[in-house]
Amino acid sequence: MESKIINQFPIRDYLAGSGIHPAKENGYYGMYHSPFREDHNSSMKVDYNKNLWIDYGTSEGGTLIDLVMRMENCSNGKAMQLLEQRIAGSASFSFQRERDFQPENRNKQTITICNICVLTNPGLLGYLRERSINIEIAKLHCQEVHYSVNGKPYFAVGFKNDTGGYELRNKYFKGCTSKDITTVKAGSNTCQLFEGFMDYLSFLTMRNWQQSKADVIVLNSLSNLVKVKNILTTYGSIATFLDNDEAGKRAVQELKSCYRNVTDQSGFYAKHKDLNDYLSNKKLLPEKQVRKGFRL
C-alpha cells in the first residue's frame, strides 16, 4: 500500500467520517475549525481539488496522511494503518492498487461478514462512549460484526436493517454491507423517523429508554426516504429527527408536503449537526430537561 494512493482519499470525506464538517463552503474549498486546537475563526482550509489542507493559525498543512498524523499525534506508519482501516470497504475508493481508482473498478470492493456476536470489544465500546451512547442500550440494538475486505479482517458496531444487511461503524470506518431501512415496531400511531442509527441510540440514551414508545424508522440514508412514503401514510403523526443540513431540511419539507401531522424535532438541536452531535456536546442531560423538549 503506497502513500500516494492513500493520499488520494478525499480529506473532506475523512473529516466528515470523523464528524467534522466545514464551517463555510466556498465551491472548490471549505473552511474548517481546526480539529487539533481551539479555533473560533475556522482557520483551516481544505482544497477539494488538490486534496490538501492548511491551518492558517499554525502555518501547518499537507496531505491526508499529514493531517491524520497531526490529529492523532502519531507516526507516518500509524497514520497509514488508521487510514487503511477507515477506507476499507468503501465503494468509491480502493487502497489496494492504483488502477482501482479508475471509475470502472470502483465498485468491486465487497465486505464479507465473518462473525456476528454480542458487543464486547473494548475498542468498539470505547468508540460508543466517545459518542456518549449508553452501552447497555447499544447492546440491545447493535451487534459486534467481524468482516473482511479482500481477505483483511476488521470489526465494527453493526446495526441490522430490514433486509438483513448491516450498517457498520467504528472510529475509523463508516460503511454498510447493503443499504436499507430499519423498522422497530411498538404498536403506536406515532412514527419517529431518524436519519441514522447513532441518532436513534442518542435519543434512547437521552431518554434512558431501552426502546422508544413510538414506532421507529431509521433511514440509514436519506436516499431511502422514498422507501418509507407508503409506510408513513399509516401513521397519525410523524416526528422527524434528521440532520441539520440542507438535505435534511429539504427532506422535512418534502414530508410536510405529503403528510399533515409532521413535527420537525431538529429545532431542539438546532446548533448541532445532528442529534448525536447534540448529545456528545451536552453529555447526558437531566431527564426532566430532555422530556420537556422532545415530543412524541
C-alpha atoms as a PDB file:
ATOM      1  CA  MET A   1       0.000   0.000   0.000  1.00  0.00           C
ATOM      2  CA  GLU A   2       1.584   3.260  -1.139  1.00  0.00           C
ATOM      3  CA  SER A   3       1.170   6.643   0.499  1.00  0.00           C
ATOM      4  CA  LYS A   4       0.395   8.312  -2.843  1.00  0.00           C
ATOM      5  CA  ILE A   5      -2.639   6.033  -3.188  1.00  0.00           C
ATOM      6  CA  ILE A   6      -3.893   6.632   0.348  1.00  0.00           C
ATOM      7  CA  ASN A   7      -3.478  10.383  -0.099  1.00  0.00           C
ATOM      8  CA  GLN A   8      -5.990  10.311  -2.954  1.00  0.00           C
ATOM      9  CA  PHE A   9      -8.778   9.568  -0.492  1.00  0.00           C
ATOM     10  CA  PRO A  10     -10.711  12.869  -0.087  1.00  0.00           C
ATOM     11  CA  ILE A  11      -9.780  14.829   3.020  1.00  0.00           C
ATOM     12  CA  ARG A  12     -13.351  16.154   3.066  1.00  0.00           C
ATOM     13  CA  ASP A  13     -14.710  12.584   3.326  1.00  0.00           C
ATOM     14  CA  TYR A  14     -12.221  11.658   6.026  1.00  0.00           C
ATOM     15  CA  LEU A  15     -13.209  14.663   8.142  1.00  0.00           C
ATOM     16  CA  ALA A  16     -16.921  14.035   7.570  1.00  0.00           C
ATOM     17  CA  GLY A  17     -16.461  10.436   8.753  1.00  0.00           C
ATOM     18  CA  SER A  18     -14.992  11.882  11.951  1.00  0.00           C
ATOM     19  CA  GLY A  19     -17.981  14.180  12.422  1.00  0.00           C
ATOM     20  CA  ILE A  20     -16.064  17.259  11.249  1.00  0.00           C
ATOM     21  CA  HIS A  21     -17.749  19.477   8.678  1.00  0.00           C
ATOM     22  CA  PRO A  22     -16.848  22.808   7.073  1.00  0.00           C
ATOM     23  CA  ALA A  23     -17.995  25.978   8.788  1.00  0.00           C
ATOM     24  CA  LYS A  24     -18.038  27.655   5.363  1.00  0.00           C
ATOM     25  CA  GLU A  25     -18.291  26.169   1.873  1.00  0.00           C
ATOM     26  CA  ASN A  26     -16.718  28.085  -0.999  1.00  0.00           C
ATOM     27  CA  GLY A  27     -17.117  25.840  -4.002  1.00  0.00           C
ATOM     28  CA  TYR A  28     -13.781  24.139  -4.553  1.00  0.00           C
ATOM     29  CA  TYR A  29     -12.652  24.533  -0.930  1.00  0.00           C
ATOM     30  CA  GLY A  30     -14.033  24.570   2.607  1.00  0.00           C
ATOM     31  CA  MET A  31     -13.040  26.419   5.774  1.00  0.00           C
ATOM     32  CA  TYR A  32     -12.973  24.297   8.920  1.00  0.00           C
ATOM     33  CA  HIS A  33     -12.444  24.843  12.599  1.00  0.00           C
ATOM     34  CA  SER A  34      -9.056  23.274  13.221  1.00  0.00           C
ATOM     35  CA  PRO A  35      -9.595  19.775  14.683  1.00  0.00           C
ATOM     36  CA  PHE A  36      -6.436  19.812  16.796  1.00  0.00           C
ATOM     37  CA  ARG A  37      -6.660  23.168  18.596  1.00  0.00           C
ATOM     38  CA  GLU A  38      -9.219  25.738  19.732  1.00  0.00           C
ATOM     39  CA  ASP A  39     -10.199  27.641  16.627  1.00  0.00           C
ATOM     40  CA  HIS A  40     -13.142  30.042  16.702  1.00  0.00           C
ATOM     41  CA  ASN A  41     -12.332  31.533  13.293  1.00  0.00           C
ATOM     42  CA  SER A  42     -12.494  28.403  11.074  1.00  0.00           C
ATOM     43  CA  SER A  43      -8.852  28.873  10.060  1.00  0.00           C
ATOM     44  CA  MET A  44      -8.196  25.541   8.353  1.00  0.00           C
ATOM     45  CA  LYS A  45      -8.674  25.427   4.588  1.00  0.00           C
ATOM     46  CA  VAL A  46      -9.218  22.172   2.693  1.00  0.00           C
ATOM     47  CA  ASP A  47      -8.721  22.438  -1.061  1.00  0.00           C
ATOM     48  CA  TYR A  48     -11.072  19.821  -2.534  1.00  0.00           C
ATOM     49  CA  ASN A  49      -9.451  19.828  -5.971  1.00  0.00           C
ATOM     50  CA  LYS A  50      -5.850  19.496  -4.782  1.00  0.00           C
ATOM     51  CA  ASN A  51      -6.877  17.393  -1.734  1.00  0.00           C
ATOM     52  CA  LEU A  52      -4.564  19.396   0.533  1.00  0.00           C
ATOM     53  CA  TRP A  53      -5.102  21.279   3.788  1.00  0.00           C
ATOM     54  CA  ILE A  54      -3.521  24.229   5.540  1.00  0.00           C
ATOM     55  CA  ASP A  55      -4.095  25.605   9.031  1.00  0.00           C
ATOM     56  CA  TYR A  56      -3.501  29.331   8.745  1.00  0.00           C
ATOM     57  CA  GLY A  57      -3.361  29.643  12.524  1.00  0.00           C
ATOM     58  CA  THR A  58      -0.270  27.439  12.831  1.00  0.00           C
ATOM     59  CA  SER A  59       1.079  27.510   9.255  1.00  0.00           C
ATOM     60  CA  GLU A  60       0.854  23.708   9.146  1.00  0.00           C
ATOM     61  CA  GLY A  61      -0.523  21.784   6.202  1.00  0.00           C
ATOM     62  CA  GLY A  62      -0.072  18.935   3.773  1.00  0.00           C
ATOM     63  CA  THR A  63      -1.695  15.706   2.658  1.00  0.00           C
ATOM     64  CA  LEU A  64      -4.314  13.486   4.256  1.00  0.00           C
ATOM     65  CA  ILE A  65      -1.625  11.414   5.955  1.00  0.00           C
ATOM     66  CA  ASP A  66      -0.071  14.592   7.363  1.00  0.00           C
ATOM     67  CA  LEU A  67      -3.472  15.590   8.729  1.00  0.00           C
ATOM     68  CA  VAL A  68      -4.046  12.239  10.434  1.00  0.00           C
ATOM     69  CA  MET A  69      -0.550  12.340  11.936  1.00  0.00           C
ATOM     70  CA  ARG A  70      -1.378  15.743  13.392  1.00  0.00           C
ATOM     71  CA  MET A  71      -4.877  14.832  14.578  1.00  0.00           C
ATOM     72  CA  GLU A  72      -3.895  11.511  16.139  1.00  0.00           C
ATOM     73  CA  ASN A  73      -0.400  12.607  17.253  1.00  0.00           C
ATOM     74  CA  CYS A  74       1.084   9.525  15.639  1.00  0.00           C
ATOM     75  CA  SER A  75       3.785   8.421  13.219  1.00  0.00           C
ATOM     76  CA  ASN A  76       3.512   8.232   9.443  1.00  0.00           C
ATOM     77  CA  GLY A  77       3.208   4.439   9.560  1.00  0.00           C
ATOM     78  CA  LYS A  78       0.486   4.517  12.202  1.00  0.00           C
ATOM     79  CA  ALA A  79      -1.453   7.145  10.263  1.00  0.00           C
ATOM     80  CA  MET A  80      -1.365   4.925   7.176  1.00  0.00           C
ATOM     81  CA  GLN A  81      -2.657   1.979   9.225  1.00  0.00           C
ATOM     82  CA  LEU A  82      -5.518   4.069  10.597  1.00  0.00           C
ATOM     83  CA  LEU A  83      -6.417   5.272   7.120  1.00  0.00           C
ATOM     84  CA  GLU A  84      -6.373   1.749   5.744  1.00  0.00           C
ATOM     85  CA  GLN A  85      -8.928   0.775   8.368  1.00  0.00           C
ATOM     86  CA  ARG A  86     -11.052   3.853   7.682  1.00  0.00           C
ATOM     87  CA  ILE A  87     -11.341   3.385   3.955  1.00  0.00           C
ATOM     88  CA  ALA A  88     -11.604  -0.399   3.926  1.00  0.00           C
ATOM     89  CA  GLY A  89     -14.681  -1.488   2.029  1.00  0.00           C
ATOM     90  CA  SER A  90     -15.513   1.933   0.641  1.00  0.00           C
ATOM     91  CA  ALA A  91     -17.481   1.529  -2.594  1.00  0.00           C
ATOM     92  CA  SER A  92     -15.844   4.600  -4.085  1.00  0.00           C
ATOM     93  CA  PHE A  93     -12.238   4.032  -3.038  1.00  0.00           C
ATOM     94  CA  SER A  94      -9.682   1.240  -3.051  1.00  0.00           C
ATOM     95  CA  PHE A  95      -6.337   1.349  -1.314  1.00  0.00           C
ATOM     96  CA  GLN A  96      -5.189  -1.936  -2.833  1.00  0.00           C
ATOM     97  CA  ARG A  97      -3.967  -0.909  -6.295  1.00  0.00           C
ATOM     98  CA  GLU A  98      -3.688   2.357  -8.124  1.00  0.00           C
ATOM     99  CA  ARG A  99      -5.715   1.013 -11.056  1.00  0.00           C
ATOM    100  CA  ASP A 100      -8.689   0.635  -8.699  1.00  0.00           C
ATOM    101  CA  PHE A 101      -9.087   4.401  -8.869  1.00  0.00           C
ATOM    102  CA  GLN A 102     -10.378   4.040 -12.415  1.00  0.00           C
ATOM    103  CA  PRO A 103     -14.195   4.527 -12.456  1.00  0.00           C
ATOM    104  CA  GLU A 104     -14.886   1.096 -13.942  1.00  0.00           C
ATOM    105  CA  ASN A 105     -13.149  -0.598 -10.969  1.00  0.00           C
ATOM    106  CA  ARG A 106     -14.560   1.443  -8.082  1.00  0.00           C
ATOM    107  CA  ASN A 107     -17.456  -0.820  -7.132  1.00  0.00           C
ATOM    108  CA  LYS A 108     -15.521  -4.103  -6.950  1.00  0.00           C
ATOM    109  CA  GLN A 109     -14.681  -3.968  -3.237  1.00  0.00           C
ATOM    110  CA  THR A 110     -17.039  -6.150  -1.197  1.00  0.00           C
ATOM    111  CA  ILE A 111     -17.483  -6.711   2.526  1.00  0.00           C
ATOM    112  CA  THR A 112     -17.716 -10.327   3.680  1.00  0.00           C
ATOM    113  CA  ILE A 113     -19.333 -10.986   7.075  1.00  0.00           C
ATOM    114  CA  CYS A 114     -17.268 -13.486   9.086  1.00  0.00           C
ATOM    115  CA  ASN A 115     -18.908 -13.465  12.518  1.00  0.00           C
ATOM    116  CA  ILE A 116     -21.680 -11.666  14.415  1.00  0.00           C
ATOM    117  CA  CYS A 117     -21.719 -11.619  18.211  1.00  0.00           C
ATOM    118  CA  VAL A 118     -22.596  -9.577  21.298  1.00  0.00           C
ATOM    119  CA  LEU A 119     -20.817  -6.237  21.628  1.00  0.00           C
ATOM    120  CA  THR A 120     -17.818  -6.836  23.884  1.00  0.00           C
ATOM    121  CA  ASN A 121     -14.775  -5.457  22.046  1.00  0.00           C
ATOM    122  CA  PRO A 122     -13.174  -2.730  24.219  1.00  0.00           C
ATOM    123  CA  GLY A 123     -12.330  -0.626  21.162  1.00  0.00           C
ATOM    124  CA  LEU A 124     -15.938  -0.595  19.969  1.00  0.00           C
ATOM    125  CA  LEU A 125     -17.286   0.082  23.449  1.00  0.00           C
ATOM    126  CA  GLY A 126     -14.816   2.939  23.769  1.00  0.00           C
ATOM    127  CA  TYR A 127     -15.987   4.320  20.420  1.00  0.00           C
ATOM    128  CA  LEU A 128     -19.609   4.282  21.613  1.00  0.00           C
ATOM    129  CA  ARG A 129     -18.632   6.008  24.861  1.00  0.00           C
ATOM    130  CA  GLU A 130     -16.828   8.676  22.856  1.00  0.00           C
ATOM    131  CA  ARG A 131     -20.139   9.322  21.132  1.00  0.00           C
ATOM    132  CA  SER A 132     -21.897   9.399  24.536  1.00  0.00           C
ATOM    133  CA  ILE A 133     -24.047   6.336  23.758  1.00  0.00           C
ATOM    134  CA  ASN A 134     -25.305   4.240  26.675  1.00  0.00           C
ATOM    135  CA  ILE A 135     -23.529   0.889  26.304  1.00  0.00           C
ATOM    136  CA  GLU A 136     -26.373  -1.281  27.577  1.00  0.00           C
ATOM    137  CA  ILE A 137     -28.801   0.388  25.177  1.00  0.00           C
ATOM    138  CA  ALA A 138     -26.344  -0.091  22.319  1.00  0.00           C
ATOM    139  CA  LYS A 139     -26.039  -3.800  23.132  1.00  0.00           C
ATOM    140  CA  LEU A 140     -29.813  -4.178  22.835  1.00  0.00           C
ATOM    141  CA  HIS A 141     -29.925  -2.703  19.336  1.00  0.00           C
ATOM    142  CA  CYS A 142     -26.494  -3.420  17.840  1.00  0.00           C
ATOM    143  CA  GLN A 143     -24.077  -6.289  17.450  1.00  0.00           C
ATOM    144  CA  GLU A 144     -20.360  -6.765  17.017  1.00  0.00           C
ATOM    145  CA  VAL A 145     -19.688  -7.610  13.377  1.00  0.00           C
ATOM    146  CA  HIS A 146     -16.410  -9.128  12.227  1.00  0.00           C
ATOM    147  CA  TYR A 147     -15.900  -8.799   8.482  1.00  0.00           C
ATOM    148  CA  SER A 148     -13.186  -8.931   5.858  1.00  0.00           C
ATOM    149  CA  VAL A 149     -12.309  -6.884   2.791  1.00  0.00           C
ATOM    150  CA  ASN A 150     -10.066  -8.650   0.273  1.00  0.00           C
ATOM    151  CA  GLY A 151      -9.038 -11.110   2.984  1.00  0.00           C
ATOM    152  CA  LYS A 152      -8.130  -8.451   5.565  1.00  0.00           C
ATOM    153  CA  PRO A 153     -10.052  -8.724   8.883  1.00  0.00           C
ATOM    154  CA  TYR A 154     -11.911  -5.836  10.531  1.00  0.00           C
ATOM    155  CA  PHE A 155     -14.634  -5.360  13.138  1.00  0.00           C
ATOM    156  CA  ALA A 156     -17.319  -2.752  13.760  1.00  0.00           C
ATOM    157  CA  VAL A 157     -20.551  -1.924  15.553  1.00  0.00           C
ATOM    158  CA  GLY A 158     -23.298  -3.404  13.379  1.00  0.00           C
ATOM    159  CA  PHE A 159     -26.889  -2.164  13.098  1.00  0.00           C
ATOM    160  CA  LYS A 160     -29.151  -4.527  11.189  1.00  0.00           C
ATOM    161  CA  ASN A 161     -31.577  -3.341   8.516  1.00  0.00           C
ATOM    162  CA  ASP A 162     -34.852  -4.898   7.380  1.00  0.00           C
ATOM    163  CA  THR A 163     -33.272  -6.954   4.586  1.00  0.00           C
ATOM    164  CA  GLY A 164     -30.540  -8.468   6.756  1.00  0.00           C
ATOM    165  CA  GLY A 165     -27.719  -6.075   5.893  1.00  0.00           C
ATOM    166  CA  TYR A 166     -25.669  -4.106   8.407  1.00  0.00           C
ATOM    167  CA  GLU A 167     -24.645  -0.517   8.882  1.00  0.00           C
ATOM    168  CA  LEU A 168     -21.037  -0.698  10.123  1.00  0.00           C
ATOM    169  CA  ARG A 169     -19.328   1.871  12.327  1.00  0.00           C
ATOM    170  CA  ASN A 170     -16.098   2.139  14.238  1.00  0.00           C
ATOM    171  CA  LYS A 171     -13.768   5.017  14.980  1.00  0.00           C
ATOM    172  CA  TYR A 172     -12.118   4.779  11.570  1.00  0.00           C
ATOM    173  CA  PHE A 173     -14.802   3.423   9.261  1.00  0.00           C
ATOM    174  CA  LYS A 174     -18.355   4.199   8.169  1.00  0.00           C
ATOM    175  CA  GLY A 175     -19.935   1.805   5.691  1.00  0.00           C
ATOM    176  CA  CYS A 176     -22.523  -0.931   5.162  1.00  0.00           C
ATOM    177  CA  THR A 177     -22.988  -4.383   3.680  1.00  0.00           C
ATOM    178  CA  SER A 178     -26.212  -3.258   1.979  1.00  0.00           C
ATOM    179  CA  LYS A 179     -28.373  -0.154   2.272  1.00  0.00           C
ATOM    180  CA  ASP A 180     -31.952  -0.356   3.543  1.00  0.00           C
ATOM    181  CA  ILE A 181     -34.228   0.997   6.265  1.00  0.00           C
ATOM    182  CA  THR A 182     -34.625  -0.427   9.768  1.00  0.00           C
ATOM    183  CA  THR A 183     -38.078  -0.523  11.373  1.00  0.00           C
ATOM    184  CA  VAL A 184     -38.791  -1.033  15.072  1.00  0.00           C
ATOM    185  CA  LYS A 185     -42.443  -1.624  15.946  1.00  0.00           C
ATOM    186  CA  ALA A 186     -44.047  -0.568  19.221  1.00  0.00           C
ATOM    187  CA  GLY A 187     -47.697  -0.707  18.143  1.00  0.00           C
ATOM    188  CA  SER A 188     -48.007   3.079  18.117  1.00  0.00           C
ATOM    189  CA  ASN A 189     -49.904   5.506  15.896  1.00  0.00           C
ATOM    190  CA  THR A 190     -46.822   7.766  16.002  1.00  0.00           C
ATOM    191  CA  CYS A 191     -43.690   7.194  13.930  1.00  0.00           C
ATOM    192  CA  GLN A 192     -40.281   8.602  14.792  1.00  0.00           C
ATOM    193  CA  LEU A 193     -38.069   8.994  11.726  1.00  0.00           C
ATOM    194  CA  PHE A 194     -34.296   9.002  12.291  1.00  0.00           C
ATOM    195  CA  GLU A 195     -31.665   9.589   9.639  1.00  0.00           C
ATOM    196  CA  GLY A 196     -29.028   7.301  11.182  1.00  0.00           C
ATOM    197  CA  PHE A 197     -28.871   4.702  13.935  1.00  0.00           C
ATOM    198  CA  MET A 198     -26.482   6.773  16.057  1.00  0.00           C
ATOM    199  CA  ASP A 199     -29.239   9.382  16.296  1.00  0.00           C
ATOM    200  CA  TYR A 200     -31.707   6.672  17.321  1.00  0.00           C
ATOM    201  CA  LEU A 201     -29.320   5.403  20.010  1.00  0.00           C
ATOM    202  CA  SER A 202     -28.749   9.002  21.116  1.00  0.00           C
ATOM    203  CA  PHE A 203     -32.489   9.540  21.562  1.00  0.00           C
ATOM    204  CA  LEU A 204     -32.806   6.373  23.652  1.00  0.00           C
ATOM    205  CA  THR A 205     -29.742   7.353  25.705  1.00  0.00           C
ATOM    206  CA  MET A 206     -31.178  10.785  26.436  1.00  0.00           C
ATOM    207  CA  ARG A 207     -34.492   9.247  27.470  1.00  0.00           C
ATOM    208  CA  ASN A 208     -32.827   6.334  29.259  1.00  0.00           C
ATOM    209  CA  TRP A 209     -35.202   4.019  27.393  1.00  0.00           C
ATOM    210  CA  GLN A 210     -34.464   0.529  26.141  1.00  0.00           C
ATOM    211  CA  GLN A 211     -36.883   1.095  23.271  1.00  0.00           C
ATOM    212  CA  SER A 212     -38.975   4.003  22.062  1.00  0.00           C
ATOM    213  CA  LYS A 213     -42.655   4.087  22.933  1.00  0.00           C
ATOM    214  CA  ALA A 214     -43.409   5.069  19.325  1.00  0.00           C
ATOM    215  CA  ASP A 215     -42.780   3.094  16.153  1.00  0.00           C
ATOM    216  CA  VAL A 216     -39.348   3.894  14.735  1.00  0.00           C
ATOM    217  CA  ILE A 217     -37.931   4.007  11.230  1.00  0.00           C
ATOM    218  CA  VAL A 218     -34.191   4.516  10.808  1.00  0.00           C
ATOM    219  CA  LEU A 219     -33.496   5.518   7.209  1.00  0.00           C
ATOM    220  CA  ASN A 220     -29.773   4.658   7.343  1.00  0.00           C
ATOM    221  CA  SER A 221     -29.537   7.072   4.386  1.00  0.00           C
ATOM    222  CA  LEU A 222     -31.717   9.909   3.120  1.00  0.00           C
ATOM    223  CA  SER A 223     -31.758   8.106  -0.226  1.00  0.00           C
ATOM    224  CA  ASN A 224     -34.076   5.576   1.449  1.00  0.00           C
ATOM    225  CA  LEU A 225     -36.755   8.206   2.074  1.00  0.00           C
ATOM    226  CA  VAL A 226     -38.667   7.048  -1.000  1.00  0.00           C
ATOM    227  CA  LYS A 227     -38.992   3.585   0.570  1.00  0.00           C
ATOM    228  CA  VAL A 228     -40.997   4.817   3.561  1.00  0.00           C
ATOM    229  CA  LYS A 229     -43.538   7.098   1.903  1.00  0.00           C
ATOM    230  CA  ASN A 230     -46.259   4.447   1.728  1.00  0.00           C
ATOM    231  CA  ILE A 231     -45.458   3.224   5.240  1.00  0.00           C
ATOM    232  CA  LEU A 232     -45.823   6.731   6.706  1.00  0.00           C
ATOM    233  CA  THR A 233     -49.409   7.062   5.421  1.00  0.00           C
ATOM    234  CA  THR A 234     -50.497   4.603   8.142  1.00  0.00           C
ATOM    235  CA  TYR A 235     -49.461   6.921  10.999  1.00  0.00           C
ATOM    236  CA  GLY A 236     -51.434   9.691  12.657  1.00  0.00           C
ATOM    237  CA  SER A 237     -48.295  11.686  13.435  1.00  0.00           C
ATOM    238  CA  ILE A 238     -44.673  11.690  12.316  1.00  0.00           C
ATOM    239  CA  ALA A 239     -41.736  13.124  14.287  1.00  0.00           C
ATOM    240  CA  THR A 240     -38.556  13.669  12.269  1.00  0.00           C
ATOM    241  CA  PHE A 241     -35.022  13.624  13.684  1.00  0.00           C
ATOM    242  CA  LEU A 242     -32.990  14.440  10.587  1.00  0.00           C
ATOM    243  CA  ASP A 243     -29.645  16.202  10.220  1.00  0.00           C
ATOM    244  CA  ASN A 244     -29.418  19.974  10.443  1.00  0.00           C
ATOM    245  CA  ASP A 245     -28.135  20.387   6.907  1.00  0.00           C
ATOM    246  CA  GLU A 246     -29.641  21.396   3.590  1.00  0.00           C
ATOM    247  CA  ALA A 247     -30.506  17.822   2.623  1.00  0.00           C
ATOM    248  CA  GLY A 248     -32.215  17.185   5.950  1.00  0.00           C
ATOM    249  CA  LYS A 249     -34.244  20.376   5.706  1.00  0.00           C
ATOM    250  CA  ARG A 250     -35.326  19.530   2.162  1.00  0.00           C
ATOM    251  CA  ALA A 251     -36.428  16.076   3.287  1.00  0.00           C
ATOM    252  CA  VAL A 252     -38.547  17.528   6.103  1.00  0.00           C
ATOM    253  CA  GLN A 253     -40.231  19.968   3.719  1.00  0.00           C
ATOM    254  CA  GLU A 254     -40.941  17.131   1.308  1.00  0.00           C
ATOM    255  CA  LEU A 255     -42.551  15.116   4.110  1.00  0.00           C
ATOM    256  CA  LYS A 256     -44.633  18.088   5.233  1.00  0.00           C
ATOM    257  CA  SER A 257     -45.942  18.480   1.699  1.00  0.00           C
ATOM    258  CA  CYS A 258     -47.125  14.847   1.736  1.00  0.00           C
ATOM    259  CA  TYR A 259     -48.397  14.386   5.300  1.00  0.00           C
ATOM    260  CA  ARG A 260     -50.382  16.692   7.540  1.00  0.00           C
ATOM    261  CA  ASN A 261     -49.044  15.950  11.020  1.00  0.00           C
ATOM    262  CA  VAL A 262     -45.236  16.148  10.694  1.00  0.00           C
ATOM    263  CA  THR A 263     -43.225  17.679  13.535  1.00  0.00           C
ATOM    264  CA  ASP A 264     -39.611  18.641  12.876  1.00  0.00           C
ATOM    265  CA  GLN A 265     -37.644  17.877  16.038  1.00  0.00           C
ATOM    266  CA  SER A 266     -34.352  19.294  14.732  1.00  0.00           C
ATOM    267  CA  GLY A 267     -35.109  22.663  16.323  1.00  0.00           C
ATOM    268  CA  PHE A 268     -34.212  21.181  19.696  1.00  0.00           C
ATOM    269  CA  TYR A 269     -30.657  20.527  18.450  1.00  0.00           C
ATOM    270  CA  ALA A 270     -30.535  23.457  16.032  1.00  0.00           C
ATOM    271  CA  LYS A 271     -26.962  24.474  16.858  1.00  0.00           C
ATOM    272  CA  HIS A 272     -25.643  20.975  16.198  1.00  0.00           C
ATOM    273  CA  LYS A 273     -25.119  18.813  13.125  1.00  0.00           C
ATOM    274  CA  ASP A 274     -27.416  16.069  14.337  1.00  0.00           C
ATOM    275  CA  LEU A 275     -28.870  14.511  17.476  1.00  0.00           C
ATOM    276  CA  ASN A 276     -25.705  12.600  18.329  1.00  0.00           C
ATOM    277  CA  ASP A 277     -23.610  15.741  17.985  1.00  0.00           C
ATOM    278  CA  TYR A 278     -26.035  17.444  20.381  1.00  0.00           C
ATOM    279  CA  LEU A 279     -25.739  14.585  22.877  1.00  0.00           C
ATOM    280  CA  SER A 280     -21.952  14.438  22.593  1.00  0.00           C
ATOM    281  CA  ASN A 281     -21.681  18.150  23.333  1.00  0.00           C
ATOM    282  CA  LYS A 282     -24.320  18.252  26.034  1.00  0.00           C
ATOM    283  CA  LYS A 283     -23.386  14.865  27.503  1.00  0.00           C
ATOM    284  CA  LEU A 284     -26.247  13.374  29.496  1.00  0.00           C
ATOM    285  CA  LEU A 285     -28.908  15.964  30.230  1.00  0.00           C
ATOM    286  CA  PRO A 286     -31.240  15.699  33.230  1.00  0.00           C
ATOM    287  CA  GLU A 287     -34.215  13.578  32.186  1.00  0.00           C
ATOM    288  CA  LYS A 288     -36.743  16.297  33.053  1.00  0.00           C
ATOM    289  CA  GLN A 289     -34.983  18.735  30.762  1.00  0.00           C
ATOM    290  CA  VAL A 290     -34.976  16.253  27.896  1.00  0.00           C
ATOM    291  CA  ARG A 291     -38.633  15.320  28.361  1.00  0.00           C
ATOM    292  CA  LYS A 292     -39.562  18.992  28.280  1.00  0.00           C
ATOM    293  CA  GLY A 293     -38.004  19.310  24.840  1.00  0.00           C
ATOM    294  CA  PHE A 294     -38.663  16.374  22.540  1.00  0.00           C
ATOM    295  CA  ARG A 295     -42.235  15.437  21.741  1.00  0.00           C
ATOM    296  CA  LEU A 296     -43.548  12.017  20.781  1.00  0.00           C
END
